[in-house]
Amino acid sequence: MIDQLKKHIAEVQRFSSEDPEAIEAFRIKYLGKKGLLNDFFKALKDVPKEKKREFGQQVNTLKVAASDK
């Protein structure tokens, strides 16, 4: 699951667009009510204790990166 997060972080960092529709689709995909970030935050409760810290840090990194874009 952490690998998925890292893949999404890289995708967010590569994202660049001037098209308002593409930007809105990106926002909804990551930051929307049914977006990936919400899913990752929900999954946090199922992560084993020893991996929770790393998983949480990666989720926060993704959140900050998506918000900044």
Protein backbone atom coordinates (compact mmCIF):
# COMPACT_ATOMS: atom_id res chain seq x y z
CA MET A 1 0.00 0.00 0.00
CA ILE A 2 2.91 2.33 0.70
CA ASP A 3 4.14 1.62 -2.84
CA GLN A 4 0.78 2.83 -4.18
CA LEU A 5 1.14 6.02 -2.17
CA LYS A 6 4.63 6.64 -3.53
CA LYS A 7 3.34 6.08 -7.08
CA HIS A 8 0.56 8.63 -6.52
CA ILE A 9 3.00 11.13 -4.98
CA ALA A 10 5.20 10.87 -8.08
CA GLU A 11 2.14 11.28 -10.31
CA VAL A 12 1.06 14.41 -8.43
CA GLN A 13 4.55 15.89 -8.66
CA ARG A 14 4.63 15.29 -12.44
CA PHE A 15 1.17 16.76 -13.03
CA SER A 16 1.11 19.98 -14.98
CA SER A 17 -1.74 21.43 -16.97
CA GLU A 18 -3.21 24.73 -18.09
CA ASP A 19 -6.56 23.14 -18.96
CA PRO A 20 -9.17 24.04 -16.30
CA GLU A 21 -11.03 20.76 -16.86
CA ALA A 22 -7.87 18.70 -16.33
CA ILE A 23 -7.05 20.66 -13.19
CA GLU A 24 -10.55 20.12 -11.80
CA ALA A 25 -10.40 16.39 -12.61
CA PHE A 26 -7.06 16.21 -10.79
CA ARG A 27 -8.51 18.01 -7.76
CA ILE A 28 -11.50 15.70 -7.61
CA LYS A 29 -9.35 12.58 -8.05
CA TYR A 30 -7.17 13.40 -5.06
CA LEU A 31 -8.97 15.94 -2.88
CA GLY A 32 -12.64 15.27 -3.59
CA LYS A 33 -15.06 13.76 -1.08
CA LYS A 34 -14.70 10.36 -2.79
CA GLY A 35 -11.06 10.98 -3.73
CA LEU A 36 -7.98 8.87 -3.19
CA LEU A 37 -6.82 10.80 -0.14
CA ASN A 38 -10.04 10.03 1.66
CA ASP A 39 -9.60 6.35 0.82
CA PHE A 40 -6.03 6.35 2.13
CA PHE A 41 -7.05 8.07 5.38
CA LYS A 42 -9.78 5.45 5.87
CA ALA A 43 -7.27 2.66 5.18
CA LEU A 44 -4.97 3.99 7.90
CA LYS A 45 -6.95 2.15 10.58
CA ASP A 46 -6.23 -1.19 8.86
CA VAL A 47 -2.46 -0.68 8.59
CA PRO A 48 -0.36 -2.75 11.03
CA LYS A 49 1.01 -0.77 13.99
CA GLU A 50 4.62 -1.00 12.86
CA LYS A 51 3.76 0.51 9.44
CA LYS A 52 1.28 3.18 10.61
CA ARG A 53 3.84 5.93 11.07
CA GLU A 54 5.38 5.53 7.62
CA PHE A 55 1.97 5.15 5.99
CA GLY A 56 0.64 8.26 7.74
CA GLN A 57 3.67 10.29 6.70
CA GLN A 58 3.24 9.21 3.09
CA VAL A 59 -0.48 10.07 3.13
CA ASN A 60 0.35 13.52 4.50
CA THR A 61 3.04 13.99 1.84
CA LEU A 62 0.49 13.13 -0.84
CA LYS A 63 -2.05 15.50 0.71
CA VAL A 64 0.41 18.41 0.79
CA ALA A 65 1.65 17.73 -2.75
CA ALA A 66 -1.90 17.52 -4.16
CA SER A 67 -2.99 20.64 -2.29
CA ASP A 68 0.02 22.61 -3.54
CA LYS A 69 -0.67 21.67 -7.17
